């Protein structure tokens, strides 16, 4: 949460001029709307302040209680925390404006990191998402693709090597000269399109996953070379979400 809170804070226009009571409301918005938590607590709100190198309010709980009782209310109180009243939520969204759209998207993609157990994979994905947050859409796609292929190759080495080698040994495509995989570097001898095909024939991936990988490979190819093709944020989001859900999480190394 610490990095997402800091990114959110930095996206707010004229944030230094906002009083603590407004920042509390903003952080509740961040926790419950952007990160999707059902409720927020005073402890979690104070943690947001600390993540932004700010001194937490001395009376966060009291300010939340005051927001519950005021008319119209800012918050709705539940047994385990609070959430924004609808009018306050809409007001906060309007105040945050277009910058929040980017932050919400970044937070949504960052939430994917929590679904990955392997620390090296998680760190590499984090760097790919760093590219997204500075507008390097092509860089995000290229790095995410490299991570996906490496992850799938590592999975094969650990769990499906005999199945993959059985298909590879019977290959008749003269572009692929290697007949057996012994280590991860050996996969470099296989074009990525053929690698995907071999995975499908070996029943390591389903035909639906094969279609996703073929589609994403085309997107990667368009992104990895200078061209007039525009790579928008929506395409990047679809690219990352699809590969995280269907490869990085599904095929656990």
Protein backbone atom coordinates (compact mmCIF):
# COMPACT_ATOMS: atom_id res chain seq x y z
CA UNK A 1 0.00 0.00 0.00
CA UNK A 2 2.89 2.37 0.73
CA UNK A 3 3.98 2.85 -2.87
CA UNK A 4 0.39 3.21 -4.13
CA UNK A 5 -0.37 5.83 -1.46
CA UNK A 6 2.69 7.83 -2.47
CA UNK A 7 1.78 7.69 -6.17
CA UNK A 8 -1.77 8.77 -5.33
CA UNK A 9 -0.57 11.69 -3.20
CA UNK A 10 1.76 12.90 -5.96
CA UNK A 11 -1.11 12.91 -8.46
CA UNK A 12 -3.24 15.39 -6.47
CA UNK A 13 -3.19 18.94 -7.78
CA UNK A 14 -1.99 21.58 -5.27
CA UNK A 15 -1.76 18.87 -2.65
CA UNK A 16 0.45 20.93 -0.31
CA UNK A 17 -2.35 23.44 0.13
CA UNK A 18 -4.86 20.87 1.34
CA UNK A 19 -5.63 20.73 5.09
CA UNK A 20 -5.29 17.43 6.92
CA UNK A 21 -9.04 16.93 7.12
CA UNK A 22 -9.23 16.95 3.30
CA UNK A 23 -6.22 14.67 2.96
CA UNK A 24 -7.89 12.19 5.30
CA UNK A 25 -10.90 12.16 2.99
CA UNK A 26 -8.62 11.73 -0.02
CA UNK A 27 -6.83 8.79 1.54
CA UNK A 28 -10.17 7.16 2.38
CA UNK A 29 -11.02 7.53 -1.31
CA UNK A 30 -7.70 5.96 -2.24
CA UNK A 31 -8.18 2.99 0.09
CA UNK A 32 -11.82 2.23 -0.66
CA UNK A 33 -12.28 3.32 -4.28
CA UNK A 34 -8.89 2.90 -5.90
CA UNK A 35 -7.60 -0.08 -3.94
CA UNK A 36 -11.04 -1.61 -3.57
CA UNK A 37 -11.12 -2.09 0.20
CA UNK A 38 -14.62 -2.34 1.63
CA UNK A 39 -13.75 -0.07 4.56
CA UNK A 40 -10.87 2.07 5.83
CA UNK A 41 -9.58 2.46 9.38
CA UNK A 42 -7.79 5.30 11.14
CA UNK A 43 -4.68 3.10 11.31
CA UNK A 44 -4.69 2.54 7.55
CA UNK A 45 -5.23 6.25 6.88
CA UNK A 46 -2.31 7.15 9.14
CA UNK A 47 -0.20 4.60 7.28
CA UNK A 48 -0.96 6.49 4.06
CA UNK A 49 0.33 9.70 5.63
CA UNK A 50 3.49 7.91 6.74
CA UNK A 51 4.00 6.36 3.30
CA UNK A 52 4.04 9.90 1.88
CA UNK A 53 6.56 11.07 4.49
CA UNK A 54 3.87 13.14 6.19
CA UNK A 55 3.15 13.42 9.89
CA UNK A 56 -0.15 11.62 10.58
CA UNK A 57 -2.89 13.65 12.28
CA UNK A 58 -2.98 13.26 16.05
CA UNK A 59 -6.77 12.85 16.00
CA UNK A 60 -7.65 10.88 12.87
CA UNK A 61 -10.30 8.81 14.65
CA UNK A 62 -11.97 11.94 16.03
CA UNK A 63 -12.03 13.57 12.60
CA UNK A 64 -13.59 10.48 11.09
CA UNK A 65 -16.25 10.48 13.80
CA UNK A 66 -16.95 14.15 13.12
CA UNK A 67 -17.35 13.36 9.44
CA UNK A 68 -19.92 10.70 10.29
CA UNK A 69 -22.12 13.04 12.35
CA UNK A 70 -21.92 16.19 10.22
CA UNK A 71 -24.75 17.06 7.80
CA UNK A 72 -24.46 16.04 5.09
CA UNK A 73 -22.11 13.30 6.33
CA UNK A 74 -18.70 12.69 4.79
CA UNK A 75 -18.43 9.10 6.00
CA UNK A 76 -20.60 6.12 6.77
CA UNK A 77 -19.55 4.22 9.87
CA UNK A 78 -19.50 0.42 9.97
CA UNK A 79 -18.39 -1.94 12.78
CA UNK A 80 -14.94 -2.44 11.27
CA UNK A 81 -14.26 0.92 9.67
CA UNK A 82 -15.67 3.72 7.54
CA UNK A 83 -16.35 4.49 3.90
CA UNK A 84 -17.19 7.64 2.02
CA UNK A 85 -20.80 8.77 1.80
CA UNK A 86 -21.88 8.79 -1.81
CA UNK A 87 -21.88 12.58 -2.17
CA UNK A 88 -18.41 12.78 -0.63
CA UNK A 89 -17.11 10.03 -2.90
CA UNK A 90 -18.43 11.81 -5.98
CA UNK A 91 -17.03 15.12 -4.76
CA UNK A 92 -13.60 13.59 -4.18
CA UNK A 93 -13.62 11.97 -7.62
CA UNK A 94 -14.47 15.31 -9.22
CA UNK A 95 -11.79 17.14 -7.25
CA UNK A 96 -9.13 14.59 -8.19
CA UNK A 97 -10.04 14.91 -11.85
CA UNK A 98 -8.18 13.41 -14.80
CA UNK A 99 -5.00 12.73 -12.87
CA UNK A 100 -6.85 10.25 -10.71
CA UNK A 101 -7.82 8.23 -13.77
CA UNK A 102 -4.16 7.51 -14.37
CA UNK A 103 -3.58 6.76 -10.71
CA UNK A 104 -6.60 4.47 -10.50
CA UNK A 105 -5.35 2.56 -13.53
CA UNK A 106 -1.86 2.30 -12.06
CA UNK A 107 -3.24 1.10 -8.74
CA UNK A 108 -5.37 -1.48 -10.51
CA UNK A 109 -2.35 -2.84 -12.38
CA UNK A 110 -0.22 -2.71 -9.24
CA UNK A 111 -2.77 -4.87 -7.47
CA UNK A 112 -1.77 -7.64 -9.88
CA UNK A 113 1.63 -7.81 -8.19
CA UNK A 114 -0.04 -9.19 -5.08
CA UNK A 115 -1.25 -12.21 -7.04
CA UNK A 116 2.30 -13.35 -7.81
CA UNK A 117 4.24 -15.44 -5.30
CA UNK A 118 7.68 -15.54 -6.94
CA UNK A 119 9.66 -12.50 -5.69
CA UNK A 120 11.80 -12.23 -8.84
CA UNK A 121 8.75 -12.30 -11.08
CA UNK A 122 7.03 -9.72 -8.88
CA UNK A 123 10.06 -7.39 -8.99
CA UNK A 124 10.34 -7.63 -12.78
CA UNK A 125 6.61 -6.91 -13.20
CA UNK A 126 7.00 -3.93 -10.88
CA UNK A 127 9.66 -2.48 -13.19
CA UNK A 128 7.42 -3.06 -16.20
CA UNK A 129 4.63 -1.13 -14.45
CA UNK A 130 7.10 1.66 -13.65
CA UNK A 131 7.31 2.11 -17.42
CA UNK A 132 3.52 2.36 -17.67
CA UNK A 133 3.35 5.05 -15.01
CA UNK A 134 5.79 7.31 -16.86
CA UNK A 135 3.98 6.80 -20.16
CA UNK A 136 6.40 4.28 -21.69
CA UNK A 137 3.66 2.04 -23.08
CA UNK A 138 5.91 0.17 -25.50
CA UNK A 139 8.42 -0.50 -22.72
CA UNK A 140 5.67 -1.94 -20.52
CA UNK A 141 4.59 -4.33 -23.26
CA UNK A 142 8.10 -5.48 -24.15
CA UNK A 143 9.12 -6.09 -20.53
CA UNK A 144 5.87 -7.87 -19.66
CA UNK A 145 6.27 -10.13 -22.69
CA UNK A 146 9.87 -10.99 -21.77
CA UNK A 147 8.73 -11.80 -18.25
CA UNK A 148 5.88 -13.97 -19.51
CA UNK A 149 8.06 -16.04 -21.85
CA UNK A 150 10.75 -16.48 -19.21
CA UNK A 151 8.13 -17.52 -16.67
CA UNK A 152 6.59 -20.10 -18.99
CA UNK A 153 10.01 -21.48 -19.89
CA UNK A 154 10.91 -21.80 -16.22
CA UNK A 155 7.62 -23.61 -15.62
CA UNK A 156 8.39 -26.07 -18.42
CA UNK A 157 11.88 -26.76 -17.09
CA UNK A 158 10.50 -27.51 -13.66
CA UNK A 159 7.26 -29.33 -14.48
CA UNK A 160 6.84 -30.21 -18.17
CA UNK A 161 10.30 -30.76 -19.68
CA UNK A 162 9.72 -34.32 -20.86
CA UNK A 163 6.45 -33.35 -22.57
CA UNK A 164 8.06 -30.36 -24.30
CA UNK A 165 11.13 -32.34 -25.40
CA UNK A 166 8.95 -35.09 -26.82
CA UNK A 167 7.31 -32.56 -29.15
CA UNK A 168 10.60 -30.85 -29.92
CA UNK A 169 12.30 -34.12 -30.89
CA UNK A 170 9.62 -34.83 -33.51
CA UNK A 171 9.68 -31.31 -35.01
CA UNK A 172 10.19 -31.11 -38.79
CA UNK A 173 10.43 -27.33 -39.15
CA UNK A 174 13.97 -26.71 -40.40
CA UNK A 175 14.08 -23.31 -38.71
CA UNK A 176 14.29 -25.15 -35.38
CA UNK A 177 17.51 -27.14 -35.24
CA UNK A 178 17.60 -27.94 -31.54
CA UNK A 179 16.12 -31.31 -30.54
CA UNK A 180 16.29 -31.19 -26.75
CA UNK A 181 16.05 -28.56 -24.02
CA UNK A 182 18.54 -28.98 -21.18
CA UNK A 183 18.60 -25.46 -19.71
CA UNK A 184 16.66 -22.24 -20.08
CA UNK A 185 19.10 -20.69 -22.57
CA UNK A 186 18.32 -23.49 -25.02
CA UNK A 187 14.87 -21.97 -25.57
CA UNK A 188 16.61 -19.09 -27.38
CA UNK A 189 17.09 -21.46 -30.33
CA UNK A 190 13.32 -21.59 -30.87
CA UNK A 191 11.36 -18.70 -32.48
CA UNK A 192 8.71 -17.45 -30.09
CA UNK A 193 5.85 -18.34 -32.40
CA UNK A 194 7.10 -21.93 -32.66
CA UNK A 195 7.65 -22.05 -28.90
CA UNK A 196 3.98 -21.22 -28.37
CA UNK A 197 2.99 -23.84 -30.94
CA UNK A 198 5.11 -26.52 -29.24
CA UNK A 199 3.56 -25.66 -25.86
CA UNK A 200 0.11 -26.21 -27.33
CA UNK A 201 1.02 -29.51 -29.04
CA UNK A 202 2.57 -30.75 -25.79
CA UNK A 203 -0.67 -29.79 -24.01
CA UNK A 204 1.23 -27.53 -21.63
CA UNK A 205 -1.16 -24.72 -22.49
CA UNK A 206 -4.75 -24.85 -23.72
CA UNK A 207 -5.81 -23.66 -27.14
CA UNK A 208 -7.41 -20.59 -25.53
CA UNK A 209 -4.11 -19.66 -23.88
CA UNK A 210 -2.33 -20.28 -27.18
CA UNK A 211 -4.64 -17.77 -28.86
CA UNK A 212 -3.91 -15.20 -26.14
CA UNK A 213 -0.15 -15.68 -26.51
CA UNK A 214 -0.29 -15.45 -30.31
CA UNK A 215 -2.28 -12.22 -30.07
CA UNK A 216 0.06 -10.76 -27.47
CA UNK A 217 3.10 -11.73 -29.53
CA UNK A 218 1.73 -9.65 -32.40
CA UNK A 219 1.25 -6.71 -30.04
CA UNK A 220 4.80 -7.15 -28.73
CA UNK A 221 6.16 -7.21 -32.28
CA UNK A 222 4.31 -3.98 -33.09
CA UNK A 223 5.69 -2.39 -29.92
CA UNK A 224 9.28 -3.55 -30.20
CA UNK A 225 10.05 -1.90 -33.54
CA UNK A 226 9.78 1.71 -34.72
CA UNK A 227 6.50 2.12 -36.56
CA UNK A 228 3.48 4.37 -36.90
CA UNK A 229 1.38 2.10 -34.70
CA UNK A 230 0.03 3.91 -31.65
CA UNK A 231 0.08 1.95 -28.38
CA UNK A 232 -2.59 3.37 -26.08
CA UNK A 233 -3.04 2.77 -22.38
CA UNK A 234 -6.09 0.57 -22.95
CA UNK A 235 -4.02 -1.84 -25.04
CA UNK A 236 -1.31 -1.94 -22.37
CA UNK A 237 -3.83 -2.65 -19.61
CA UNK A 238 -5.37 -5.51 -21.60
CA UNK A 239 -1.90 -6.87 -22.40
CA UNK A 240 -0.69 -6.90 -18.79
CA UNK A 241 -3.94 -8.19 -17.28
CA UNK A 242 -4.24 -11.05 -19.76
CA UNK A 243 -0.68 -12.28 -19.32
CA UNK A 244 -0.66 -11.98 -15.53
CA UNK A 245 -3.94 -13.85 -15.15
CA UNK A 246 -3.38 -16.51 -17.79
CA UNK A 247 0.36 -17.18 -17.44
CA UNK A 248 2.12 -15.61 -14.46
CA UNK A 249 -0.52 -16.67 -11.93
CA UNK A 250 -1.85 -19.82 -13.60
CA UNK A 251 1.50 -21.52 -14.21
CA UNK A 252 3.19 -21.37 -10.84
CA UNK A 253 6.93 -22.01 -10.88
